[in-house]
Amino acid sequence: MKKLFFLFLFFFACVYLDNVNQPTSVGPNQQFTITLTGTFDGTTFYSNQAWFAIMLPTGFIIDSIRYNTANGLNELITQITDTVGKWANYAFPPDPYMGWFGFETQSYNQSSGSTYEATFYLQTTASVVPGNYLVDYRTGDRYYNTLEDDSILDQPIEVTTNGINENRSLEKELISVQPNPFKTSLNIRCKKNGLVNIFNSLGKLVRSLQINQSGNWDGRNSKGQKVTPGTYFIRGNDSQVNATFLN
């Protein structure tokens, strides 16, 4: 009986739930694609129109979207639909280090149960913050920007440090730190005066410092609390270095 129950759940998941195909990790200045698949529910006036909302880390760029239906219809979506993104940001949990992007397709003559596929063509920038993120996907086919509450949630993606040389000297780098690792104080040196932001391994901002060529970070966050041991990303002067805080 249990086997039959689990087989039913598996069949239900395969037929009715949206699916996503995305890479597990990406690096700076890297092009990649994410594919979403789903079905039209056919319950409302605009049942043949699809909506997509994706929450991506800062530094991700969506070049375009190729949208396809089961009967061969396709569309190249190049414009972001602000209303869908705003609706998603209002209706679903926001994140200060992530951004909602919304899209809609044109109307197609599709019946309930018809499938669709959307391939997102993306690229990371050189300033993307390394770390582990949970990317949220919301899909729908309903009028007035309504998105499904039970769409794809929290797909993990890791932004790696590929392509970043952390051992270049200060003559070539615009920012450097020492000692590394550190226990009590980290000296930050910059070629130009400016704001330095410190992020944890999840890409969350923990501290901002105004550095005049040289300054120190005491391992505390903006509330004056000691941060947990681990790797932190020091960004400033359009450059980035890693520093390890020890307990």
Foldseek 3Di string as FASTA:
>chain_A
DVVVVVVVVVVCCVQAAKDKDFDQEDEAFDKDKMKIKHWQQQPADQSQKKKKKKKAFPQKDWQWKWKAWPVGDIDIGGDWDVQLQVVCPVPDPDDPGIGMTMDMDDGDPDHGSTMMMMMTIMTGHPPGDWAKFFMQMWMHRYPPNDTDPPHRTGDIHTYDHPPADQPDDVVPPQKHWDDAADEFKIKIFGPAWDKKWKAARHRHTFDIDGDHRIDMDGCHGPVRHHDDFDKMWIDDPNHIHIGTYDD
